[in-house]
Amino acid sequence: MMRVQEEKKLTMEDVAKELGVSKTTVSRAVSGKGRIGEETRKRVLEYIEQHNYKPNQAAGEPVHNRTYNIGMVLQTDMLTSELPFFPKALKGIGETAEKEEYNVIMTLVDSNDFSGLVRVIENHKVDGMILMRTLQDDQPAAMLKKSGIPFVTIGLSDDPQIYQVDNDHVDACRELTSILLLKGMKKIAVVSGDRNHVINRKRLEGFYQAHQDMGIPYDASLIFTDIDSEAFACGAAERILQRSADCMIGADDLLTGYLLKKLEEENVRIPEEMRLASFHDSQLLKSAKNGITAIKFNIEELGREACKVLLRRMRGEEAAHITKLSYEVAMRESTKW
């Protein structure tokens, strides 16, 4: 008996490849939503009509309800205290989203007000979201998880079901601290921010690990946490100087800048009278007379990778649950011993 060969069903990827456009462009032409040139739309529609293409929702081709928006969730303080971080991360996210013809929109939240995020979720404004910070008590992550919207965090989480992209802060801070200990600095102080921010906990974890690995106890009286202003940072610096520490480490570039300013005001010579380092490098530290020892991260790459993972999730493709990016410890004049 002769068998009739079943014709292979055309996929969105087949259409995109044949026309030399992205799958997003094909999706927008079919759905009638999103940015697409009229000539391109017409070419796509003519092709799919000729070849009887129909979206395969089971294969991840749900085209009619897409918004072509990716959301970024930021806490309000990130627009000021982490200004050098934000534009670099946004650049990486934006460039990656643009290649797939997605727009990026921002949603602001703070510790007591999540109304903006609620509106975005309830009004179906985005196809996926990137949380720009993880928290110990992470209500935004819990809300997104409950909603079913694909999302990725920049920052680590204790929830193994959450897709996470971050720099390897524990290992980076462990390495820098180990180098300082090897140089002979035994009394090292750390000035850190909000303990509800997972990144601050990870940086301190690396600091503690370095001491444990080398069998050198750390001085708990030299660990300052929840420092959220210049005044508190300066107060911490005064106490560190009184306790004759060998070195100060700012957990981020902003806090390190405050410490640097205080040392300069007190005419404390760096590195002759006090060593100074930062667990995060940025242009905020470029004004120092002596280069500040710091950990360098590629923030644009962090944004790009987070967006790539999100796009894979939105397409229903496999993605790593945890992605950790590399770093570089830059030893400079400020920790010369």
Protein backbone atom coordinates (compact mmCIF):
# COMPACT_ATOMS: atom_id res chain seq x y z
CA MET A 1 0.00 0.00 0.00
CA MET A 2 1.34 3.41 -0.93
CA ARG A 3 1.75 5.84 1.95
CA VAL A 4 1.15 9.54 1.51
CA GLN A 5 4.10 11.43 2.97
CA GLU A 6 2.98 13.86 5.66
CA GLU A 7 4.02 17.41 4.88
CA LYS A 8 6.24 18.94 7.55
CA LYS A 9 4.45 21.64 9.50
CA LEU A 10 6.00 25.06 9.04
CA THR A 11 7.32 26.71 12.22
CA MET A 12 7.89 30.34 13.10
CA GLU A 13 11.64 29.66 12.98
CA ASP A 14 11.28 28.32 9.42
CA VAL A 15 9.46 31.46 8.32
CA ALA A 16 12.01 33.74 9.98
CA LYS A 17 14.94 31.87 8.42
CA GLU A 18 13.43 31.89 4.96
CA LEU A 19 12.71 35.64 5.05
CA GLY A 20 15.91 36.63 6.84
CA VAL A 21 14.13 38.22 9.80
CA SER A 22 13.84 37.44 13.52
CA LYS A 23 11.15 35.23 15.05
CA THR A 24 9.92 38.30 16.91
CA THR A 25 9.33 40.08 13.60
CA VAL A 26 7.27 37.14 12.32
CA SER A 27 5.29 37.12 15.58
CA ARG A 28 4.57 40.83 15.33
CA ALA A 29 3.45 40.55 11.72
CA VAL A 30 1.00 37.77 12.61
CA SER A 31 -0.34 39.41 15.76
CA GLY A 32 -0.53 42.94 14.39
CA LYS A 33 1.18 44.25 17.55
CA GLY A 34 4.54 45.84 18.16
CA ARG A 35 7.03 47.80 16.07
CA ILE A 36 7.43 46.53 12.51
CA GLY A 37 7.71 48.25 9.13
CA GLU A 38 4.69 48.03 6.87
CA GLU A 39 6.72 46.58 4.00
CA THR A 40 8.17 43.86 6.25
CA ARG A 41 4.74 43.07 7.68
CA LYS A 42 3.29 42.69 4.20
CA ARG A 43 6.16 40.42 3.09
CA VAL A 44 5.72 38.15 6.12
CA LEU A 45 1.95 37.93 5.77
CA GLU A 46 2.18 37.12 2.07
CA TYR A 47 4.68 34.32 2.75
CA ILE A 48 2.69 32.68 5.54
CA GLU A 49 -0.51 32.85 3.46
CA GLN A 50 1.23 31.15 0.54
CA HIS A 51 2.66 28.45 2.81
CA ASN A 52 -0.35 28.04 5.12
CA TYR A 53 1.62 28.83 8.28
CA LYS A 54 -0.28 28.64 11.59
CA PRO A 55 1.31 29.46 14.99
CA ASN A 56 2.06 26.37 17.07
CA GLN A 57 1.25 27.38 20.64
CA ALA A 58 2.38 24.04 22.03
CA ALA A 59 5.86 24.79 20.67
CA GLY A 60 6.01 28.19 22.30
CA GLU A 61 4.51 30.31 19.53
CA PRO A 62 1.67 32.19 21.32
CA VAL A 63 1.67 35.35 19.25
CA HIS A 64 -1.66 37.00 19.95
CA ASN A 65 -1.13 38.08 23.56
CA ARG A 66 2.46 39.25 23.46
CA THR A 67 3.28 42.79 24.50
CA TYR A 68 6.90 42.85 23.25
CA ASN A 69 7.83 44.53 26.53
CA ILE A 70 10.40 43.39 29.08
CA GLY A 71 10.06 44.91 32.54
CA MET A 72 12.85 45.96 34.89
CA VAL A 73 11.97 46.13 38.59
CA LEU A 74 14.06 48.65 40.51
CA GLN A 75 13.94 49.81 44.09
CA THR A 76 13.71 53.59 44.25
CA ASP A 77 17.09 54.03 45.97
CA MET A 78 18.86 52.38 43.03
CA LEU A 79 18.31 55.50 40.96
CA THR A 80 20.64 57.41 43.29
CA SER A 81 22.84 55.23 45.48
CA GLU A 82 23.73 52.77 42.70
CA LEU A 83 23.72 55.21 39.79
CA PRO A 84 26.97 53.93 38.20
CA PHE A 85 25.60 50.37 38.25
CA PHE A 86 22.17 51.11 36.83
CA PRO A 87 23.02 52.70 33.43
CA LYS A 88 25.57 49.99 32.63
CA ALA A 89 23.13 47.19 33.46
CA LEU A 90 20.39 48.96 31.50
CA LYS A 91 22.69 49.26 28.48
CA GLY A 92 23.36 45.53 28.48
CA ILE A 93 19.68 44.67 28.91
CA GLY A 94 18.52 47.20 26.35
CA GLU A 95 20.96 46.14 23.65
CA THR A 96 20.03 42.47 24.06
CA ALA A 97 16.29 43.19 24.10
CA GLU A 98 16.57 45.43 21.02
CA LYS A 99 18.12 42.61 18.99
CA GLU A 100 14.93 40.63 19.60
CA GLU A 101 12.82 43.76 18.97
CA TYR A 102 11.60 44.06 22.55
CA ASN A 103 11.10 47.30 24.48
CA VAL A 104 12.32 47.73 28.06
CA ILE A 105 10.10 49.45 30.62
CA MET A 106 10.92 50.28 34.24
CA THR A 107 8.82 49.67 37.33
CA LEU A 108 9.77 51.26 40.66
CA VAL A 109 9.10 49.68 44.06
CA ASP A 110 10.22 50.43 47.59
CA SER A 111 10.11 48.53 50.85
CA ASN A 112 6.48 49.47 51.51
CA ASP A 113 4.95 50.16 48.10
CA PHE A 114 4.63 47.50 45.37
CA SER A 115 1.63 49.07 43.63
CA GLY A 116 3.55 49.72 40.40
CA LEU A 117 4.55 46.08 40.12
CA VAL A 118 0.98 44.97 40.90
CA ARG A 119 -0.35 47.14 38.05
CA VAL A 120 2.16 45.74 35.56
CA ILE A 121 1.24 42.18 36.52
CA GLU A 122 -2.53 42.65 36.59
CA ASN A 123 -2.64 44.67 33.35
CA HIS A 124 -0.37 42.21 31.48
CA LYS A 125 2.04 44.97 30.44
CA VAL A 126 5.10 42.74 29.98
CA ASP A 127 6.08 39.30 28.69
CA GLY A 128 8.83 38.87 31.26
CA MET A 129 10.67 40.77 34.00
CA ILE A 130 14.16 41.28 35.42
CA LEU A 131 14.48 41.98 39.13
CA MET A 132 17.49 44.25 39.53
CA ARG A 133 18.16 43.31 43.16
CA THR A 134 17.41 40.34 45.41
CA LEU A 135 16.35 40.67 49.02
CA GLN A 136 16.42 38.41 52.04
CA ASP A 137 12.68 39.02 52.43
CA ASP A 138 11.97 39.22 48.70
CA GLN A 139 8.33 40.21 48.25
CA PRO A 140 8.71 41.32 44.59
CA ALA A 141 10.17 37.90 43.69
CA ALA A 142 7.34 36.16 45.55
CA MET A 143 4.74 38.24 43.68
CA LEU A 144 6.29 37.46 40.29
CA LYS A 145 6.60 33.78 41.11
CA LYS A 146 2.92 33.64 42.05
CA SER A 147 1.90 35.49 38.88
CA GLY A 148 3.54 32.96 36.57
CA ILE A 149 5.28 35.65 34.53
CA PRO A 150 8.77 34.51 33.43
CA PHE A 151 11.37 36.45 35.40
CA VAL A 152 15.07 36.50 36.18
CA THR A 153 16.91 38.10 39.08
CA ILE A 154 20.17 40.02 38.97
CA GLY A 155 21.41 38.73 42.29
CA LEU A 156 21.30 35.37 44.03
CA SER A 157 18.33 33.90 45.85
CA ASP A 158 17.87 31.02 48.29
CA ASP A 159 14.91 29.85 46.21
CA PRO A 160 16.26 27.18 43.81
CA GLN A 161 13.25 27.60 41.51
CA ILE A 162 14.19 31.20 40.67
CA TYR A 163 16.40 31.86 37.66
CA GLN A 164 19.37 33.91 38.88
CA VAL A 165 22.25 35.76 37.22
CA ASP A 166 24.97 37.46 39.24
CA ASN A 167 28.67 38.08 39.62
CA ASP A 168 30.46 35.67 41.95
CA HIS A 169 30.58 38.06 44.91
CA VAL A 170 31.43 35.46 47.54
CA ASP A 171 34.52 34.24 45.70
CA ALA A 172 35.56 37.74 44.64
CA CYS A 173 35.40 39.18 48.15
CA ARG A 174 37.09 36.09 49.57
CA GLU A 175 39.96 36.52 47.10
CA LEU A 176 40.49 40.23 47.79
CA THR A 177 40.33 39.72 51.56
CA SER A 178 42.79 36.81 51.33
CA ILE A 179 45.28 38.99 49.45
CA LEU A 180 45.06 41.70 52.13
CA LEU A 181 45.55 39.12 54.89
CA LEU A 182 48.56 37.67 53.08
CA LYS A 183 50.06 41.16 52.90
CA GLY A 184 49.99 41.24 56.70
CA MET A 185 46.81 43.24 57.37
CA LYS A 186 45.21 41.42 60.29
CA LYS A 187 42.77 44.06 61.52
CA ILE A 188 40.50 44.67 58.54
CA ALA A 189 37.30 46.68 58.88
CA VAL A 190 34.25 46.39 56.61
CA VAL A 191 31.54 49.02 56.15
CA SER A 192 28.46 47.48 54.54
CA GLY A 193 24.90 48.45 53.66
CA ASP A 194 21.41 47.03 54.20
CA ARG A 195 21.51 43.44 55.46
CA ASN A 196 18.22 42.75 53.68
CA HIS A 197 20.11 43.07 50.37
CA VAL A 198 21.43 39.63 49.48
CA ILE A 199 24.49 41.12 47.78
CA ASN A 200 25.71 42.63 51.06
CA ARG A 201 25.35 39.27 52.80
CA LYS A 202 27.29 37.54 50.01
CA ARG A 203 30.12 40.07 50.20
CA LEU A 204 30.44 39.59 53.95
CA GLU A 205 30.29 35.82 53.46
CA GLY A 206 33.37 36.05 51.23
CA PHE A 207 35.13 38.22 53.83
CA TYR A 208 34.43 35.68 56.59
CA GLN A 209 35.46 32.75 54.38
CA ALA A 210 38.88 34.30 53.73
CA HIS A 211 39.55 34.58 57.47
CA GLN A 212 38.34 31.04 58.06
CA ASP A 213 40.48 29.63 55.22
CA MET A 214 43.61 31.27 56.63
CA GLY A 215 42.85 30.56 60.28
CA ILE A 216 42.85 34.26 61.15
CA PRO A 217 39.97 35.49 63.36
CA TYR A 218 38.20 38.66 62.28
CA ASP A 219 37.43 41.48 64.71
CA ALA A 220 33.63 41.74 65.04
CA SER A 221 33.97 45.28 66.39
CA LEU A 222 35.29 46.32 62.96
CA ILE A 223 32.23 45.06 61.03
CA PHE A 224 29.65 47.79 60.38
CA THR A 225 26.37 46.88 58.68
CA ASP A 226 23.18 48.73 57.69
CA ILE A 227 25.19 51.87 56.88
CA ASP A 228 22.85 53.80 54.59
CA SER A 229 24.14 57.38 54.57
CA GLU A 230 27.31 59.45 54.40
CA ALA A 231 26.89 60.50 58.03
CA PHE A 232 26.76 56.88 59.25
CA ALA A 233 29.72 55.94 57.03
CA CYS A 234 31.78 58.80 58.45
CA GLY A 235 30.84 57.73 61.98
CA ALA A 236 32.00 54.20 61.20
CA ALA A 237 35.27 55.54 59.80
CA GLU A 238 35.92 57.50 63.01
CA ARG A 239 35.46 54.37 65.14
CA ILE A 240 37.66 52.34 62.82
CA LEU A 241 40.45 54.90 63.16
CA GLN A 242 40.09 54.86 66.94
CA ARG A 243 40.44 51.07 66.96
CA SER A 244 43.70 51.18 64.96
CA ALA A 245 42.59 49.01 62.05
CA ASP A 246 45.06 48.17 59.28
CA CYS A 247 42.59 48.55 56.44
CA MET A 248 39.06 49.71 55.63
CA ILE A 249 36.89 47.99 53.01
CA GLY A 250 33.74 49.58 51.64
CA ALA A 251 31.21 46.93 50.60
CA ASP A 252 30.32 49.02 47.56
CA ASP A 253 31.71 51.97 45.60
CA LEU A 254 29.43 54.56 47.22
CA LEU A 255 30.39 53.61 50.78
CA THR A 256 34.06 53.46 49.80
CA GLY A 257 33.73 56.97 48.41
CA TYR A 258 32.35 58.17 51.75
CA LEU A 259 35.24 56.52 53.61
CA LEU A 260 37.75 58.09 51.24
CA LYS A 261 36.24 61.53 51.74
CA LYS A 262 36.38 61.16 55.53
CA LEU A 263 40.01 60.02 55.49
CA GLU A 264 40.95 63.00 53.32
CA GLU A 265 39.11 65.40 55.65
CA GLU A 266 41.01 63.94 58.62
CA ASN A 267 44.32 64.22 56.71
CA VAL A 268 44.88 60.47 57.05
CA ARG A 269 47.44 59.45 54.44
CA ILE A 270 46.57 56.55 52.16
CA PRO A 271 48.20 54.00 52.23
CA GLU A 272 50.85 55.14 54.75
CA GLU A 273 48.45 55.51 57.69
CA MET A 274 45.40 53.59 56.47
CA ARG A 275 44.78 51.17 53.64
CA LEU A 276 41.49 51.40 51.70
CA ALA A 277 39.73 48.97 49.35
CA SER A 278 36.32 48.42 47.79
CA PHE A 279 34.31 45.30 47.09
CA HIS A 280 33.01 47.06 43.95
CA ASP A 281 34.84 49.29 41.48
CA SER A 282 33.29 52.19 39.55
CA GLN A 283 33.95 55.69 38.30
CA LEU A 284 32.92 57.02 41.73
CA LEU A 285 36.41 56.07 42.92
CA LYS A 286 38.32 57.67 40.05
CA SER A 287 38.82 60.92 41.96
CA ALA A 288 41.19 59.33 44.48
CA LYS A 289 44.78 60.61 44.39
CA ASN A 290 45.99 57.04 44.78
CA GLY A 291 44.21 54.30 42.87
CA ILE A 292 41.74 52.39 45.06
CA THR A 293 42.11 48.61 45.22
CA ALA A 294 38.77 47.18 44.12
CA ILE A 295 36.92 44.29 42.47
CA LYS A 296 36.00 44.90 38.84
CA PHE A 297 32.79 43.44 37.42
CA ASN A 298 31.46 43.71 33.87
CA ILE A 299 28.04 45.20 34.61
CA GLU A 300 27.01 45.49 30.97
CA GLU A 301 27.70 41.77 30.53
CA LEU A 302 25.64 41.10 33.65
CA GLY A 303 22.69 42.91 32.08
CA ARG A 304 23.16 41.13 28.76
CA GLU A 305 23.29 37.69 30.34
CA ALA A 306 20.22 38.34 32.51
CA CYS A 307 18.25 39.41 29.43
CA LYS A 308 19.43 36.38 27.44
CA VAL A 309 18.29 34.01 30.18
CA LEU A 310 14.92 35.79 30.35
CA LEU A 311 14.43 35.62 26.57
CA ARG A 312 15.17 31.89 26.63
CA ARG A 313 12.60 31.43 29.37
CA MET A 314 10.02 33.46 27.46
CA ARG A 315 10.55 31.22 24.43
CA GLY A 316 10.13 28.11 26.55
CA GLU A 317 13.77 27.08 26.04
CA GLU A 318 16.09 25.56 28.62
CA ALA A 319 18.21 27.93 30.70
CA ALA A 320 20.58 27.55 33.65
CA HIS A 321 18.92 28.30 36.98
CA ILE A 322 22.05 29.98 38.36
CA THR A 323 24.60 31.84 36.24
CA LYS A 324 27.69 33.33 37.91
CA LEU A 325 29.94 35.71 35.98
CA SER A 326 33.65 36.32 36.45
CA TYR A 327 35.49 39.22 38.10
CA GLU A 328 38.93 40.80 38.40
CA VAL A 329 40.70 41.93 41.59
CA ALA A 330 42.55 45.16 40.79
CA MET A 331 45.34 45.77 43.31
CA ARG A 332 46.27 49.48 43.43
CA GLU A 333 48.23 51.97 45.52
CA SER A 334 45.62 52.31 48.26
CA THR A 335 46.53 48.94 49.82
CA LYS A 336 50.29 49.14 49.45
CA TRP A 337 51.80 47.60 52.61
